[in-house]
PDB file of N, CA and C in Angstrom:
ATOM      1  N   UNK A   1      -8.549 -24.396   2.789  1.00  0.00           N
ATOM      2  CA  UNK A   1      -9.147 -22.864   3.426  1.00  0.00           C
ATOM      3  C   UNK A   1      -9.871 -23.101   1.407  1.00  0.00           C
ATOM      4  N   UNK A   2     -10.167 -22.406   1.356  1.00  0.00           N
ATOM      5  CA  UNK A   2     -10.527 -21.512  -0.142  1.00  0.00           C
ATOM      6  C   UNK A   2      -9.066 -20.907  -0.737  1.00  0.00           C
ATOM      7  N   UNK A   3      -8.921 -20.517  -1.913  1.00  0.00           N
ATOM      8  CA  UNK A   3      -8.089 -20.472  -2.375  1.00  0.00           C
ATOM      9  C   UNK A   3      -9.141 -18.727  -2.373  1.00  0.00           C
ATOM     10  N   UNK A   4      -7.099 -17.773  -1.671  1.00  0.00           N
ATOM     11  CA  UNK A   4      -7.451 -16.027  -2.463  1.00  0.00           C
ATOM     12  C   UNK A   4      -8.721 -15.183  -3.195  1.00  0.00           C
ATOM     13  N   UNK A   5      -8.953 -14.878  -2.811  1.00  0.00           N
ATOM     14  CA  UNK A   5     -10.227 -13.821  -3.612  1.00  0.00           C
ATOM     15  C   UNK A   5      -9.244 -11.846  -3.653  1.00  0.00           C
ATOM     16  N   UNK A   6      -8.771 -12.044  -4.951  1.00  0.00           N
ATOM     17  CA  UNK A   6      -8.514 -10.176  -5.689  1.00  0.00           C
ATOM     18  C   UNK A   6      -9.992 -10.341  -5.639  1.00  0.00           C
ATOM     19  N   UNK A   7      -9.127  -8.731  -5.159  1.00  0.00           N
ATOM     20  CA  UNK A   7     -10.143  -7.410  -4.842  1.00  0.00           C
ATOM     21  C   UNK A   7      -9.159  -6.730  -4.910  1.00  0.00           C
ATOM     22  N   UNK A   8      -9.868  -6.524  -6.312  1.00  0.00           N
ATOM     23  CA  UNK A   8      -9.732  -4.675  -6.994  1.00  0.00           C
ATOM     24  C   UNK A   8     -10.297  -3.011  -6.492  1.00  0.00           C
ATOM     25  N   UNK A   9      -9.863  -3.094  -5.316  1.00  0.00           N
ATOM     26  CA  UNK A   9     -10.922  -1.517  -4.770  1.00  0.00           C
ATOM     27  C   UNK A   9      -8.943  -0.704  -4.950  1.00  0.00           C
ATOM     28  N   UNK A  10      -9.740   0.403  -5.813  1.00  0.00           N
ATOM     29  CA  UNK A  10      -8.519   1.634  -5.186  1.00  0.00           C
ATOM     30  C   UNK A  10      -8.010   1.425  -3.648  1.00  0.00           C
ATOM     31  N   UNK A  11      -7.027   1.593  -3.223  1.00  0.00           N
ATOM     32  CA  UNK A  11      -6.259   2.000  -1.253  1.00  0.00           C
ATOM     33  C   UNK A  11      -7.275   3.190  -0.915  1.00  0.00           C
ATOM     34  N   UNK A  12      -7.806   3.127   0.195  1.00  0.00           N
ATOM     35  CA  UNK A  12      -8.768   4.141   0.717  1.00  0.00           C
ATOM     36  C   UNK A  12      -7.572   4.741   1.112  1.00  0.00           C
ATOM     37  N   UNK A  13      -6.891   4.400   2.112  1.00  0.00           N
ATOM     38  CA  UNK A  13      -5.315   4.658   2.606  1.00  0.00           C
ATOM     39  C   UNK A  13      -4.134   5.915   1.819  1.00  0.00           C
ATOM     40  N   UNK A  14      -4.482   6.977   1.979  1.00  0.00           N
ATOM     41  CA  UNK A  14      -3.577   8.305   0.954  1.00  0.00           C
ATOM     42  C   UNK A  14      -1.722   7.436   1.490  1.00  0.00           C
ATOM     43  N   UNK A  15      -1.167   7.872   0.455  1.00  0.00           N
ATOM     44  CA  UNK A  15      -0.237   6.576  -0.115  1.00  0.00           C
ATOM     45  C   UNK A  15       0.745   7.018   0.984  1.00  0.00           C
ATOM     46  N   UNK A  16       1.003   8.101   1.664  1.00  0.00           N
ATOM     47  CA  UNK A  16       2.079   8.075   2.384  1.00  0.00           C
ATOM     48  C   UNK A  16       1.433   6.823   4.101  1.00  0.00           C
ATOM     49  N   UNK A  17       0.471   6.633   3.928  1.00  0.00           N
ATOM     50  CA  UNK A  17       0.436   5.573   4.332  1.00  0.00           C
ATOM     51  C   UNK A  17      -0.004   3.884   4.699  1.00  0.00           C
ATOM     52  N   UNK A  18      -0.197   4.429   2.877  1.00  0.00           N
ATOM     53  CA  UNK A  18      -0.096   2.516   1.940  1.00  0.00           C
ATOM     54  C   UNK A  18       1.344   1.897   3.010  1.00  0.00           C
ATOM     55  N   UNK A  19       2.019   3.295   2.445  1.00  0.00           N
ATOM     56  CA  UNK A  19       3.676   3.407   2.122  1.00  0.00           C
ATOM     57  C   UNK A  19       4.059   2.235   3.137  1.00  0.00           C
ATOM     58  N   UNK A  20       3.210   2.163   4.268  1.00  0.00           N
ATOM     59  CA  UNK A  20       4.273   1.898   5.490  1.00  0.00           C
ATOM     60  C   UNK A  20       3.462   0.767   5.422  1.00  0.00           C
ATOM     61  N   UNK A  21       2.230  -0.136   4.739  1.00  0.00           N
ATOM     62  CA  UNK A  21       2.013  -1.646   4.558  1.00  0.00           C
ATOM     63  C   UNK A  21       2.715  -2.249   3.754  1.00  0.00           C
ATOM     64  N   UNK A  22       2.751  -3.674   4.332  1.00  0.00           N
ATOM     65  CA  UNK A  22       2.608  -4.965   3.366  1.00  0.00           C
ATOM     66  C   UNK A  22       1.519  -5.175   2.823  1.00  0.00           C
ATOM     67  N   UNK A  23       1.272  -5.423   1.502  1.00  0.00           N
ATOM     68  CA  UNK A  23       0.315  -5.962   0.090  1.00  0.00           C
ATOM     69  C   UNK A  23      -0.296  -6.514   1.406  1.00  0.00           C
ATOM     70  N   UNK A  24      -0.406  -7.302   1.574  1.00  0.00           N
ATOM     71  CA  UNK A  24      -0.926  -8.113   2.789  1.00  0.00           C
ATOM     72  C   UNK A  24      -1.799  -7.053   3.230  1.00  0.00           C
ATOM     73  N   UNK A  25      -1.608  -6.377   4.355  1.00  0.00           N
ATOM     74  CA  UNK A  25      -1.761  -5.659   5.087  1.00  0.00           C
ATOM     75  C   UNK A  25      -3.071  -5.049   4.192  1.00  0.00           C
ATOM     76  N   UNK A  26      -2.212  -4.212   3.358  1.00  0.00           N
ATOM     77  CA  UNK A  26      -3.143  -3.465   2.763  1.00  0.00           C
ATOM     78  C   UNK A  26      -4.488  -3.966   2.433  1.00  0.00           C
ATOM     79  N   UNK A  27      -4.403  -5.026   1.616  1.00  0.00           N
ATOM     80  CA  UNK A  27      -5.818  -5.984   0.934  1.00  0.00           C
ATOM     81  C   UNK A  27      -6.176  -6.336   2.574  1.00  0.00           C
ATOM     82  N   UNK A  28      -5.811  -6.491   3.801  1.00  0.00           N
ATOM     83  CA  UNK A  28      -6.832  -6.528   4.934  1.00  0.00           C
ATOM     84  C   UNK A  28      -7.361  -5.156   5.195  1.00  0.00           C
ATOM     85  N   UNK A  29      -7.078  -4.004   5.420  1.00  0.00           N
ATOM     86  CA  UNK A  29      -7.503  -2.697   5.410  1.00  0.00           C
ATOM     87  C   UNK A  29      -8.660  -2.699   4.264  1.00  0.00           C
ATOM     88  N   UNK A  30      -8.265  -3.034   3.089  1.00  0.00           N
ATOM     89  CA  UNK A  30      -9.243  -2.544   1.880  1.00  0.00           C
ATOM     90  C   UNK A  30     -10.776  -3.130   2.187  1.00  0.00           C
ATOM     91  N   UNK A  31     -10.270  -4.333   3.307  1.00  0.00           N
ATOM     92  CA  UNK A  31     -11.463  -5.276   3.136  1.00  0.00           C
ATOM     93  C   UNK A  31     -12.215  -4.258   4.253  1.00  0.00           C
ATOM     94  N   UNK A  32     -12.118  -4.611   5.718  1.00  0.00           N
ATOM     95  CA  UNK A  32     -12.027  -3.824   7.085  1.00  0.00           C
ATOM     96  C   UNK A  32     -13.238  -2.618   6.649  1.00  0.00           C
ATOM     97  N   UNK A  33     -12.787  -2.002   5.629  1.00  0.00           N
ATOM     98  CA  UNK A  33     -13.237  -0.584   5.104  1.00  0.00           C
ATOM     99  C   UNK A  33     -14.534  -0.883   4.151  1.00  0.00           C
ATOM    100  N   UNK A  34     -14.916  -2.345   4.146  1.00  0.00           N
ATOM    101  CA  UNK A  34     -15.442  -2.443   3.296  1.00  0.00           C
ATOM    102  C   UNK A  34     -17.133  -2.617   4.936  1.00  0.00           C
ATOM    103  N   UNK A  35     -15.903  -3.256   5.840  1.00  0.00           N
ATOM    104  CA  UNK A  35     -17.215  -3.595   6.543  1.00  0.00           C
ATOM    105  C   UNK A  35     -17.459  -4.538   7.071  1.00  0.00           C
ATOM    106  N   UNK A  36     -16.302  -5.323   6.790  1.00  0.00           N
ATOM    107  CA  UNK A  36     -16.288  -6.836   6.559  1.00  0.00           C
ATOM    108  C   UNK A  36     -15.264  -7.667   8.124  1.00  0.00           C
ATOM    109  N   UNK A  37     -16.408  -8.328   8.630  1.00  0.00           N
ATOM    110  CA  UNK A  37     -16.060  -8.732  10.407  1.00  0.00           C
ATOM    111  C   UNK A  37     -14.112 -10.142   9.653  1.00  0.00           C
ATOM    112  N   UNK A  38     -13.598 -10.091  10.566  1.00  0.00           N
ATOM    113  CA  UNK A  38     -12.494 -11.037  10.192  1.00  0.00           C
ATOM    114  C   UNK A  38     -12.427 -12.305   9.759  1.00  0.00           C
ATOM    115  N   UNK A  39     -13.136 -12.315  11.003  1.00  0.00           N
ATOM    116  CA  UNK A  39     -14.242 -14.216   9.349  1.00  0.00           C
ATOM    117  C   UNK A  39     -14.258 -14.174   8.362  1.00  0.00           C
ATOM    118  N   UNK A  40     -15.283 -13.404   8.176  1.00  0.00           N
ATOM    119  CA  UNK A  40     -14.796 -13.161   6.275  1.00  0.00           C
ATOM    120  C   UNK A  40     -13.471 -12.692   5.724  1.00  0.00           C
ATOM    121  N   UNK A  41     -13.314 -11.774   6.695  1.00  0.00           N
ATOM    122  CA  UNK A  41     -12.145 -11.229   5.162  1.00  0.00           C
ATOM    123  C   UNK A  41     -11.277 -13.078   5.298  1.00  0.00           C
ATOM    124  N   UNK A  42     -10.642 -13.335   6.399  1.00  0.00           N
ATOM    125  CA  UNK A  42     -10.326 -14.426   6.583  1.00  0.00           C
ATOM    126  C   UNK A  42     -10.817 -15.067   5.390  1.00  0.00           C
ATOM    127  N   UNK A  43     -11.375 -16.180   5.400  1.00  0.00           N
ATOM    128  CA  UNK A  43     -12.323 -16.849   4.755  1.00  0.00           C
ATOM    129  C   UNK A  43     -12.522 -16.074   2.693  1.00  0.00           C
ATOM    130  N   UNK A  44     -12.526 -14.798   3.035  1.00  0.00           N
ATOM    131  CA  UNK A  44     -12.292 -14.424   1.610  1.00  0.00           C
ATOM    132  C   UNK A  44     -10.866 -14.140   0.777  1.00  0.00           C
ATOM    133  N   UNK A  45      -9.681 -14.283   2.075  1.00  0.00           N
ATOM    134  CA  UNK A  45      -8.295 -14.829   0.762  1.00  0.00           C
ATOM    135  C   UNK A  45      -7.729 -15.555   1.755  1.00  0.00           C
ATOM    136  N   UNK A  46      -8.370 -17.080   1.923  1.00  0.00           N
ATOM    137  CA  UNK A  46      -7.277 -17.622   2.309  1.00  0.00           C
ATOM    138  C   UNK A  46      -6.965 -17.934   3.298  1.00  0.00           C
ATOM    139  N   UNK A  47      -6.882 -17.534   4.744  1.00  0.00           N
ATOM    140  CA  UNK A  47      -6.288 -17.898   5.546  1.00  0.00           C
ATOM    141  C   UNK A  47      -6.981 -17.580   7.527  1.00  0.00           C
ATOM    142  N   UNK A  48      -6.418 -17.898   8.455  1.00  0.00           N
ATOM    143  CA  UNK A  48      -7.431 -17.693   9.135  1.00  0.00           C
ATOM    144  C   UNK A  48      -8.026 -16.454   9.912  1.00  0.00           C
ATOM    145  N   UNK A  49      -8.465 -17.064  10.555  1.00  0.00           N
ATOM    146  CA  UNK A  49      -8.942 -15.251  11.502  1.00  0.00           C
ATOM    147  C   UNK A  49      -7.810 -15.171  12.469  1.00  0.00           C
ATOM    148  N   UNK A  50      -6.790 -16.008  13.509  1.00  0.00           N
ATOM    149  CA  UNK A  50      -5.777 -15.348  14.121  1.00  0.00           C
ATOM    150  C   UNK A  50      -4.859 -14.752  12.352  1.00  0.00           C
ATOM    151  N   UNK A  51      -4.689 -15.211  11.993  1.00  0.00           N
ATOM    152  CA  UNK A  51      -3.869 -14.640  10.557  1.00  0.00           C
ATOM    153  C   UNK A  51      -4.683 -13.110  10.618  1.00  0.00           C
ATOM    154  N   UNK A  52      -5.123 -12.832  10.224  1.00  0.00           N
ATOM    155  CA  UNK A  52      -6.179 -11.682  10.135  1.00  0.00           C
ATOM    156  C   UNK A  52      -6.586 -10.226  11.345  1.00  0.00           C
ATOM    157  N   UNK A  53      -5.941 -10.942  12.530  1.00  0.00           N
ATOM    158  CA  UNK A  53      -6.192 -10.847  13.226  1.00  0.00           C
ATOM    159  C   UNK A  53      -4.817  -9.928  14.042  1.00  0.00           C
ATOM    160  N   UNK A  54      -3.521 -10.934  13.719  1.00  0.00           N
ATOM    161  CA  UNK A  54      -2.140  -9.141  13.708  1.00  0.00           C
ATOM    162  C   UNK A  54      -1.407 -10.252  12.163  1.00  0.00           C
ATOM    163  N   UNK A  55      -2.382  -9.292  11.353  1.00  0.00           N
ATOM    164  CA  UNK A  55      -2.024  -8.658  10.543  1.00  0.00           C
ATOM    165  C   UNK A  55      -2.598  -7.298  10.968  1.00  0.00           C
ATOM    166  N   UNK A  56      -3.889  -6.863  11.769  1.00  0.00           N
ATOM    167  CA  UNK A  56      -4.052  -6.268  11.648  1.00  0.00           C
ATOM    168  C   UNK A  56      -3.343  -5.458  13.467  1.00  0.00           C
ATOM    169  N   UNK A  57      -3.172  -5.868  13.808  1.00  0.00           N
ATOM    170  CA  UNK A  57      -2.359  -4.930  15.389  1.00  0.00           C
ATOM    171  C   UNK A  57      -1.096  -4.914  14.201  1.00  0.00           C
ATOM    172  N   UNK A  58      -0.979  -5.371  13.442  1.00  0.00           N
ATOM    173  CA  UNK A  58       0.122  -4.708  12.723  1.00  0.00           C
ATOM    174  C   UNK A  58       0.447  -3.181  12.146  1.00  0.00           C
ATOM    175  N   UNK A  59      -0.456  -3.297  11.190  1.00  0.00           N
ATOM    176  CA  UNK A  59      -0.962  -2.192  11.064  1.00  0.00           C
ATOM    177  C   UNK A  59      -2.013  -0.618  12.363  1.00  0.00           C
ATOM    178  N   UNK A  60      -2.210  -1.718  12.580  1.00  0.00           N
ATOM    179  CA  UNK A  60      -2.643  -0.358  13.881  1.00  0.00           C
ATOM    180  C   UNK A  60      -1.174   0.179  14.478  1.00  0.00           C
ATOM    181  N   UNK A  61      -0.223  -1.345  14.551  1.00  0.00           N
ATOM    182  CA  UNK A  61       1.588  -0.130  15.133  1.00  0.00           C
ATOM    183  C   UNK A  61       1.254   0.376  14.057  1.00  0.00           C
ATOM    184  N   UNK A  62       1.980  -0.192  12.258  1.00  0.00           N
ATOM    185  CA  UNK A  62       2.401   1.463  12.013  1.00  0.00           C
ATOM    186  C   UNK A  62       1.846   2.087  11.657  1.00  0.00           C
ATOM    187  N   UNK A  63       0.586   2.187  12.029  1.00  0.00           N
ATOM    188  CA  UNK A  63      -0.013   3.252  11.594  1.00  0.00           C
ATOM    189  C   UNK A  63      -0.565   4.431  12.317  1.00  0.00           C
ATOM    190  N   UNK A  64      -0.631   3.738  13.716  1.00  0.00           N
ATOM    191  CA  UNK A  64      -0.534   4.894  15.037  1.00  0.00           C
ATOM    192  C   UNK A  64      -1.732   4.796  15.951  1.00  0.00           C
ATOM    193  N   UNK A  65      -2.256   3.873  15.865  1.00  0.00           N
ATOM    194  CA  UNK A  65      -3.814   4.143  16.151  1.00  0.00           C
ATOM    195  C   UNK A  65      -4.055   2.297  17.241  1.00  0.00           C
ATOM    196  N   UNK A  66      -5.263   2.334  17.522  1.00  0.00           N
ATOM    197  CA  UNK A  66      -5.448   1.204  18.492  1.00  0.00           C
ATOM    198  C   UNK A  66      -6.806   0.654  18.160  1.00  0.00           C
ATOM    199  N   UNK A  67      -7.305   0.649  17.581  1.00  0.00           N
ATOM    200  CA  UNK A  67      -8.253   0.191  16.982  1.00  0.00           C
ATOM    201  C   UNK A  67      -9.107   0.281  16.344  1.00  0.00           C
ATOM    202  N   UNK A  68      -9.982  -0.693  15.055  1.00  0.00           N
ATOM    203  CA  UNK A  68     -10.023  -0.604  14.250  1.00  0.00           C
ATOM    204  C   UNK A  68     -11.075   0.854  13.035  1.00  0.00           C
ATOM    205  N   UNK A  69     -11.751   1.261  15.247  1.00  0.00           N
ATOM    206  CA  UNK A  69     -12.498   2.978  15.195  1.00  0.00           C
ATOM    207  C   UNK A  69     -11.204   3.452  14.775  1.00  0.00           C
ATOM    208  N   UNK A  70      -9.579   3.011  15.306  1.00  0.00           N
ATOM    209  CA  UNK A  70      -9.413   5.658  14.751  1.00  0.00           C
ATOM    210  C   UNK A  70      -8.553   4.654  13.654  1.00  0.00           C
ATOM    211  N   UNK A  71      -8.362   2.815  13.011  1.00  0.00           N
ATOM    212  CA  UNK A  71      -7.397   3.094  11.805  1.00  0.00           C
ATOM    213  C   UNK A  71      -9.360   3.782  10.579  1.00  0.00           C
ATOM    214  N   UNK A  72     -10.044   3.600  11.306  1.00  0.00           N
ATOM    215  CA  UNK A  72     -11.148   3.974  10.341  1.00  0.00           C
ATOM    216  C   UNK A  72     -11.237   6.145  10.057  1.00  0.00           C
ATOM    217  N   UNK A  73     -11.075   5.947  11.315  1.00  0.00           N
ATOM    218  CA  UNK A  73     -11.510   7.472  11.453  1.00  0.00           C
ATOM    219  C   UNK A  73     -10.132   8.402  10.449  1.00  0.00           C
ATOM    220  N   UNK A  74      -8.644   7.331  11.597  1.00  0.00           N
ATOM    221  CA  UNK A  74      -7.571   7.929  10.106  1.00  0.00           C
ATOM    222  C   UNK A  74      -7.837   8.425   8.481  1.00  0.00           C
ATOM    223  N   UNK A  75      -8.475   6.796   8.183  1.00  0.00           N
ATOM    224  CA  UNK A  75      -8.676   6.717   7.003  1.00  0.00           C
ATOM    225  C   UNK A  75      -9.443   7.976   5.901  1.00  0.00           C
ATOM    226  N   UNK A  76     -10.519   8.120   6.917  1.00  0.00           N
ATOM    227  CA  UNK A  76     -12.188   8.962   6.423  1.00  0.00           C
ATOM    228  C   UNK A  76     -10.841  10.287   6.687  1.00  0.00           C
ATOM    229  N   UNK A  77     -10.354  10.877   8.082  1.00  0.00           N
ATOM    230  CA  UNK A  77      -9.538  12.404   7.334  1.00  0.00           C
ATOM    231  C   UNK A  77      -8.576  12.557   6.825  1.00  0.00           C
ATOM    232  N   UNK A  78      -8.232  11.364   6.606  1.00  0.00           N
ATOM    233  CA  UNK A  78      -6.865  11.275   5.498  1.00  0.00           C
ATOM    234  C   UNK A  78      -4.923  12.248   5.868  1.00  0.00           C
ATOM    235  N   UNK A  79      -5.320  11.053   7.325  1.00  0.00           N
ATOM    236  CA  UNK A  79      -3.947  12.305   7.973  1.00  0.00           C
ATOM    237  C   UNK A  79      -3.850  11.212   9.220  1.00  0.00           C
ATOM    238  N   UNK A  80      -2.345  10.833   9.283  1.00  0.00           N
ATOM    239  CA  UNK A  80      -1.818  10.693  10.578  1.00  0.00           C
ATOM    240  C   UNK A  80      -2.555  10.859  11.708  1.00  0.00           C
ATOM    241  N   UNK A  81      -1.858  10.043  11.807  1.00  0.00           N
ATOM    242  CA  UNK A  81      -3.316   9.701  14.177  1.00  0.00           C
ATOM    243  C   UNK A  81      -1.865  10.294  14.900  1.00  0.00           C
TER     244      UNK A  81
END
């Protein structure tokens, strides 16, 4: 695997939501927002696609959503579900 890429985006999540996530989960969310697929996220982060999937499941659970679409809606409206 390649070495992880550092992405320097300001987090798209409002602070109360971002504070619920680990740094790795926030990094995955940052890449989801850019429209990247799990495979691309894994390659950029130097991890496996399975790891990214598990991180997203954890993100969904922590933020009270059940899909990538609802995650994006949550980010766009900037409030909890």
